[in-house]
Amino acid sequence: MVTAKALFTMKMNANRETLAAFSLRFQSALREANWKDGPAIAMLCLIALPKSLSHDIFVAYHSRKQDHSRPQTAQEVLSLATKINQQKRSLDSDDETHSDGKAKKSRTTKDASRHKYCSEHGARSSHTSEQCRVLHPELASNSPRDYKRPHGNAPKPARPVTASTMASTNNHGPTRLCWHCKTEPYTHQHMCEGRKKAIASKAQVRSIKAKHPADQGIDHLHDTMQAIQLQAFDDSMDTGNTPKQSINMITDSSHRTNKPYVFPLLLQNKRAFALLDTGADISVISRSFIDNNKIDVCTKNTMYLQLAGKDNTLK
């Protein structure tokens, strides 16, 4: 029979006891003592747990808005402890996986850097010239892969030997011929006419000025977009009762001392574009616009009226 003293002195042995086992032991003792779960039992449960786990439980409990300063039942304490323990196990497993990945990567990099020289396959090979199966076909019979072959079958060579890949045999084995001239052994320094032409053809780049079938479509698209932008600018002009229109200064020509202004202009209830240049000597208006809208021109003006056309004419 478990007494109240056992609940007051109960401690969790973190080295030998799991959290699940302690939870069962604590709840069994509480049930045998015939005590009801409450704030006092919750404090006994917190005291029985390791200090680090109790601290984490308080942090997790106060991470959300609570009505009380501490957990009110032992069941709530054990539930928080279980969640914290699961999160710690998940983080520990992630750390182990990450460390294993680092070790595997370092080993792979270290092994990959150990390249050997082969006269057939170059400097960055996985074997030497003495271990090459192309230079020494008799080594293929000692391969572990040959153990799975039926008895009586000769091992297959690593690759077929033809006249295009071999020209002569010396002390170091067969020599690979140039793919283009088929007469000289292939080396990085070898430059025959066929190889020069092949390298030049790969290095050729199409000139920017060269015509392309898509150029016409791109030019047409550019003109269409420009027309749409002009139409949008024209539609944005206000012909209502707004007394004042915003005036935009043209600042694309920073070298000019005079700054022209462009703004919407209403002439006899007709919308038009007007350009007012503060440094211009002459203002120009289209003659066709005057005739179409029947605008009276003041004849008392001593200034000569310039028309928007070549040689003071309209087309």
Protein backbone atom coordinates (compact mmCIF):
# COMPACT_ATOMS: atom_id res chain seq x y z
CA MET A 1 0.00 0.00 0.00
CA VAL A 2 1.44 3.28 -1.14
CA THR A 3 1.32 6.02 1.46
CA ALA A 4 1.39 9.79 1.07
CA LYS A 5 5.05 9.78 2.07
CA ALA A 6 5.90 7.81 -1.07
CA LEU A 7 4.40 10.51 -3.27
CA PHE A 8 6.38 13.22 -1.46
CA THR A 9 9.68 11.36 -1.82
CA MET A 10 9.18 9.98 -5.35
CA LYS A 11 11.91 10.92 -7.85
CA MET A 12 12.46 10.04 -11.48
CA ASN A 13 15.72 8.25 -12.22
CA ALA A 14 16.67 9.81 -15.57
CA ASN A 15 19.51 7.29 -16.15
CA ARG A 16 17.45 4.12 -15.65
CA GLU A 17 13.82 5.15 -16.08
CA THR A 18 11.99 6.48 -19.10
CA LEU A 19 9.39 9.20 -18.91
CA ALA A 20 6.62 6.78 -19.85
CA ALA A 21 7.62 4.39 -17.04
CA PHE A 22 7.74 7.22 -14.51
CA SER A 23 4.31 8.45 -15.63
CA LEU A 24 2.80 5.02 -15.04
CA ARG A 25 4.52 4.72 -11.65
CA PHE A 26 3.39 8.17 -10.51
CA GLN A 27 -0.23 7.68 -11.63
CA SER A 28 -0.35 4.23 -10.03
CA ALA A 29 0.93 5.63 -6.73
CA LEU A 30 -1.59 8.47 -6.88
CA ARG A 31 -4.42 6.03 -7.46
CA GLU A 32 -3.36 3.67 -4.63
CA ALA A 33 -3.01 6.58 -2.20
CA ASN A 34 -6.58 7.55 -3.06
CA TRP A 35 -5.63 11.19 -3.70
CA LYS A 36 -7.32 13.46 -6.21
CA ASP A 37 -5.31 15.15 -8.92
CA GLY A 38 -4.92 18.88 -8.36
CA PRO A 39 -2.45 21.79 -8.03
CA ALA A 40 -0.62 20.19 -5.09
CA ILE A 41 -0.17 16.90 -6.95
CA ALA A 42 1.03 18.86 -9.99
CA MET A 43 3.76 20.47 -7.86
CA LEU A 44 4.80 17.06 -6.50
CA CYS A 45 5.05 15.77 -10.06
CA LEU A 46 7.20 18.74 -11.09
CA ILE A 47 9.51 18.21 -8.12
CA ALA A 48 9.85 14.52 -8.97
CA LEU A 49 11.01 15.27 -12.53
CA PRO A 50 14.59 16.35 -13.36
CA LYS A 51 15.24 20.07 -12.96
CA SER A 52 15.98 20.64 -16.64
CA LEU A 53 12.74 18.98 -17.68
CA SER A 54 10.76 20.93 -15.06
CA HIS A 55 12.22 24.17 -16.39
CA ASP A 56 11.25 23.25 -19.96
CA ILE A 57 7.72 22.43 -18.78
CA PHE A 58 7.34 25.89 -17.23
CA VAL A 59 8.63 27.52 -20.43
CA ALA A 60 6.22 25.52 -22.59
CA TYR A 61 3.34 26.23 -20.21
CA HIS A 62 3.90 30.00 -20.26
CA SER A 63 4.44 30.12 -24.03
CA ARG A 64 0.67 30.55 -24.30
CA LYS A 65 -1.71 32.74 -22.36
CA GLN A 66 -2.81 30.87 -19.22
CA ASP A 67 -5.23 31.57 -16.39
CA HIS A 68 -2.81 30.25 -13.75
CA SER A 69 0.89 30.68 -13.03
CA ARG A 70 1.62 26.93 -13.04
CA PRO A 71 0.00 23.68 -14.25
CA GLN A 72 -3.01 22.67 -12.19
CA THR A 73 -2.90 18.87 -12.58
CA ALA A 74 -0.26 16.16 -12.74
CA GLN A 75 -1.85 14.93 -15.96
CA GLU A 76 -1.12 18.31 -17.56
CA VAL A 77 2.49 18.19 -16.33
CA LEU A 78 3.08 14.71 -17.71
CA SER A 79 1.45 15.64 -21.03
CA LEU A 80 3.78 18.63 -21.47
CA ALA A 81 6.77 16.50 -20.46
CA THR A 82 5.88 13.88 -23.08
CA LYS A 83 5.63 16.50 -25.86
CA ILE A 84 8.96 18.07 -24.86
CA ASN A 85 10.63 14.67 -24.74
CA GLN A 86 9.36 13.79 -28.22
CA GLN A 87 10.66 17.08 -29.65
CA LYS A 88 14.07 16.50 -28.09
CA ARG A 89 14.28 13.00 -29.60
CA SER A 90 13.35 14.42 -33.00
CA LEU A 91 16.05 17.10 -32.77
CA ASP A 92 18.64 14.54 -31.64
CA SER A 93 17.85 12.28 -34.59
CA ASP A 94 18.15 15.25 -36.96
CA ASP A 95 21.57 16.11 -35.53
CA GLU A 96 22.76 12.52 -35.96
CA THR A 97 21.53 12.43 -39.55
CA HIS A 98 23.22 15.75 -40.26
CA SER A 99 26.52 14.61 -38.75
CA ASP A 100 26.39 11.33 -40.71
CA GLY A 101 25.76 13.29 -43.90
CA LYS A 102 28.78 15.49 -43.20
CA ALA A 103 31.01 12.49 -42.57
CA LYS A 104 29.76 10.76 -45.72
CA LYS A 105 30.33 13.88 -47.79
CA SER A 106 33.84 14.34 -46.46
CA ARG A 107 34.71 10.72 -47.15
CA THR A 108 33.31 10.95 -50.68
CA THR A 109 35.25 14.12 -51.39
CA LYS A 110 38.42 12.63 -49.98
CA ASP A 111 38.10 9.45 -52.03
CA ALA A 112 37.17 11.33 -55.20
CA SER A 113 40.30 13.43 -54.95
CA ARG A 114 42.54 10.38 -55.18
CA HIS A 115 42.80 10.15 -58.94
CA LYS A 116 45.34 8.06 -60.72
CA TYR A 117 47.00 8.34 -64.11
CA CYS A 118 46.23 6.02 -67.00
CA SER A 119 47.85 6.41 -70.39
CA GLU A 120 44.55 5.40 -72.03
CA HIS A 121 42.02 7.35 -69.95
CA GLY A 122 44.06 10.34 -68.78
CA ALA A 123 45.23 11.80 -65.47
CA ARG A 124 41.91 11.81 -63.57
CA SER A 125 41.31 8.07 -63.71
CA SER A 126 40.30 5.57 -61.06
CA HIS A 127 43.10 3.18 -62.01
CA THR A 128 46.67 3.16 -63.24
CA SER A 129 47.97 2.02 -66.61
CA GLU A 130 48.93 -1.35 -65.09
CA GLN A 131 45.31 -1.83 -63.85
CA CYS A 132 43.61 -0.71 -67.09
CA ARG A 133 41.53 -3.46 -68.68
CA VAL A 134 41.78 -1.83 -72.10
CA LEU A 135 45.56 -1.91 -72.06
CA HIS A 136 45.61 -5.32 -70.38
CA PRO A 137 42.59 -7.42 -71.48
CA GLU A 138 43.81 -10.37 -69.44
CA LEU A 139 42.90 -8.47 -66.24
CA ALA A 140 39.22 -8.66 -67.15
CA SER A 141 39.17 -12.37 -66.34
CA ASN A 142 40.02 -11.59 -62.69
CA SER A 143 37.05 -9.26 -62.25
CA PRO A 144 34.49 -10.21 -59.54
CA ARG A 145 31.78 -9.66 -62.12
CA ASP A 146 33.06 -12.65 -64.07
CA TYR A 147 32.20 -15.01 -61.22
CA LYS A 148 28.49 -14.70 -62.09
CA ARG A 149 29.08 -15.71 -65.71
CA PRO A 150 28.54 -19.31 -66.83
CA HIS A 151 31.64 -21.43 -67.08
CA GLY A 152 33.13 -21.63 -70.53
CA ASN A 153 32.23 -18.08 -71.58
CA ALA A 154 35.14 -15.80 -72.19
CA PRO A 155 35.04 -12.42 -70.45
CA LYS A 156 33.96 -9.55 -72.62
CA PRO A 157 36.46 -6.73 -73.21
CA ALA A 158 35.73 -3.34 -71.74
CA ARG A 159 35.07 -1.92 -75.21
CA PRO A 160 35.53 -3.13 -78.79
CA VAL A 161 38.86 -2.51 -80.41
CA THR A 162 38.55 -1.24 -83.99
CA ALA A 163 40.78 0.36 -86.55
CA SER A 164 39.34 3.78 -85.83
CA THR A 165 40.37 3.65 -82.18
CA MET A 166 43.69 1.86 -82.45
CA ALA A 167 46.59 2.49 -84.80
CA SER A 168 49.56 0.83 -83.26
CA THR A 169 50.59 -1.12 -80.19
CA ASN A 170 53.61 -0.17 -78.12
CA ASN A 171 54.89 -0.94 -74.66
CA HIS A 172 52.10 1.14 -73.09
CA GLY A 173 49.26 -0.47 -75.06
CA PRO A 174 47.06 0.73 -77.94
CA THR A 175 46.94 4.40 -78.96
CA ARG A 176 43.75 6.24 -79.84
CA LEU A 177 43.73 8.05 -83.19
CA CYS A 178 42.41 11.52 -83.89
CA TRP A 179 38.70 11.47 -84.74
CA HIS A 180 39.16 13.93 -87.62
CA CYS A 181 42.33 12.98 -89.49
CA LYS A 182 42.43 9.26 -88.49
CA THR A 183 46.21 9.27 -88.96
CA GLU A 184 47.83 10.90 -85.91
CA PRO A 185 47.52 9.81 -82.26
CA TYR A 186 45.07 11.95 -80.34
CA THR A 187 46.57 14.31 -77.75
CA HIS A 188 45.48 17.65 -76.35
CA GLN A 189 48.27 19.37 -78.29
CA HIS A 190 47.34 17.73 -81.59
CA MET A 191 45.84 20.25 -84.05
CA CYS A 192 45.02 18.98 -87.52
CA GLU A 193 42.95 20.90 -90.05
CA GLY A 194 39.82 18.90 -89.30
CA ARG A 195 40.05 19.57 -85.56
CA LYS A 196 40.75 23.27 -86.13
CA LYS A 197 37.60 23.56 -88.24
CA ALA A 198 35.56 21.71 -85.62
CA ILE A 199 36.77 24.01 -82.84
CA ALA A 200 36.11 27.09 -84.98
CA SER A 201 32.57 25.95 -85.81
CA LYS A 202 31.77 25.52 -82.10
CA ALA A 203 33.14 28.99 -81.31
CA GLN A 204 31.10 30.78 -83.97
CA VAL A 205 28.47 33.16 -82.62
CA ARG A 206 25.66 34.68 -84.69
CA SER A 207 26.22 38.37 -85.30
CA ILE A 208 23.80 40.86 -83.73
CA LYS A 209 23.24 42.53 -87.11
CA ALA A 210 22.31 39.26 -88.80
CA LYS A 211 18.69 38.94 -89.86
CA HIS A 212 16.49 36.51 -88.03
CA PRO A 213 12.93 35.37 -88.90
CA ALA A 214 11.72 36.57 -85.51
CA ASP A 215 13.06 40.12 -85.95
CA GLN A 216 10.06 41.24 -88.00
CA GLY A 217 7.63 39.91 -85.42
CA ILE A 218 9.52 41.64 -82.61
CA ASP A 219 9.50 44.96 -84.49
CA HIS A 220 5.77 44.63 -85.11
CA LEU A 221 5.20 43.91 -81.43
CA HIS A 222 7.25 46.97 -80.46
CA ASP A 223 5.19 49.21 -82.76
CA THR A 224 1.95 47.77 -81.36
CA MET A 225 3.03 48.37 -77.77
CA GLN A 226 4.07 51.93 -78.61
CA ALA A 227 0.66 52.59 -80.18
CA ILE A 228 -1.06 51.19 -77.09
CA GLN A 229 1.00 53.44 -74.83
CA LEU A 230 0.13 56.52 -76.91
CA GLN A 231 -3.55 55.58 -76.86
CA ALA A 232 -3.42 55.13 -73.09
CA PHE A 233 -1.79 58.54 -72.73
CA ASP A 234 -4.47 60.09 -74.96
CA ASP A 235 -7.29 58.41 -73.00
CA SER A 236 -5.90 59.72 -69.73
CA MET A 237 -6.59 63.34 -70.76
CA ASP A 238 -9.42 64.84 -68.77
CA THR A 239 -12.18 66.73 -70.62
CA GLY A 240 -14.45 67.15 -67.61
CA ASN A 241 -14.97 70.10 -65.37
CA THR A 242 -11.67 69.85 -63.55
CA PRO A 243 -10.47 73.46 -63.30
CA LYS A 244 -6.75 72.70 -63.09
CA GLN A 245 -4.74 70.04 -64.84
CA SER A 246 -1.40 68.72 -63.62
CA ILE A 247 1.54 69.94 -65.65
CA ASN A 248 4.35 67.48 -66.28
CA MET A 249 7.85 68.74 -66.87
CA ILE A 250 9.90 67.01 -69.55
CA THR A 251 13.28 66.20 -67.97
CA ASP A 252 14.78 63.80 -70.50
CA SER A 253 17.05 66.55 -71.93
CA SER A 254 19.08 67.60 -68.93
CA HIS A 255 21.42 69.77 -71.03
CA ARG A 256 18.66 72.19 -72.03
CA THR A 257 18.32 75.40 -70.07
CA ASN A 258 14.64 75.86 -70.94
CA LYS A 259 12.19 73.22 -69.74
CA PRO A 260 9.14 72.65 -71.96
CA TYR A 261 5.75 71.73 -70.49
CA VAL A 262 3.17 69.45 -72.09
CA PHE A 263 -0.45 69.54 -70.94
CA PRO A 264 -3.99 68.98 -72.33
CA LEU A 265 -5.53 71.90 -74.17
CA LEU A 266 -9.21 72.53 -74.99
CA LEU A 267 -9.92 74.60 -78.11
CA GLN A 268 -13.64 75.18 -78.76
CA ASN A 269 -14.51 72.07 -76.74
CA LYS A 270 -12.02 69.99 -78.75
CA ARG A 271 -9.27 68.19 -76.94
CA ALA A 272 -5.77 68.74 -78.33
CA PHE A 273 -2.15 68.52 -77.30
CA ALA A 274 -0.32 71.76 -76.67
CA LEU A 275 3.38 72.31 -76.17
CA LEU A 276 4.47 75.41 -74.32
CA ASP A 277 8.21 75.96 -74.56
CA THR A 278 9.37 78.64 -72.15
CA GLY A 279 12.46 79.38 -74.21
CA ALA A 280 11.02 79.15 -77.74
CA ASP A 281 10.79 82.15 -80.05
CA ILE A 282 7.89 80.78 -82.14
CA SER A 283 4.85 78.67 -81.22
CA VAL A 284 3.56 76.35 -83.97
CA ILE A 285 0.04 75.00 -84.54
CA SER A 286 -1.25 72.78 -87.33
CA ARG A 287 -3.19 74.56 -90.11
CA SER A 288 -5.42 71.50 -90.65
CA PHE A 289 -6.46 71.63 -87.00
CA ILE A 290 -7.50 75.28 -87.45
CA ASP A 291 -9.50 74.53 -90.61
CA ASN A 292 -11.21 71.40 -89.28
CA ASN A 293 -12.33 73.11 -86.08
CA LYS A 294 -13.02 76.52 -87.73
CA ILE A 295 -10.85 78.47 -85.36
CA ASP A 296 -10.64 82.22 -85.94
CA VAL A 297 -7.07 83.38 -86.25
CA CYS A 298 -6.31 86.86 -84.95
CA THR A 299 -5.03 88.92 -87.87
CA LYS A 300 -3.86 91.72 -85.61
CA ASN A 301 -0.96 89.59 -84.46
CA THR A 302 2.20 91.01 -85.93
CA MET A 303 4.05 87.70 -85.50
CA TYR A 304 4.31 85.45 -88.52
CA LEU A 305 2.23 82.24 -88.14
CA GLN A 306 4.37 79.17 -88.77
CA LEU A 307 2.70 76.01 -90.08
CA ALA A 308 3.71 72.49 -89.04
CA GLY A 309 5.10 71.34 -92.38
CA LYS A 310 8.10 71.51 -94.64
CA ASP A 311 8.57 74.95 -96.25
CA ASN A 312 5.66 76.29 -94.23
CA THR A 313 3.17 73.97 -95.96
CA LEU A 314 0.92 71.15 -94.92
CA LYS A 315 0.87 67.66 -96.44
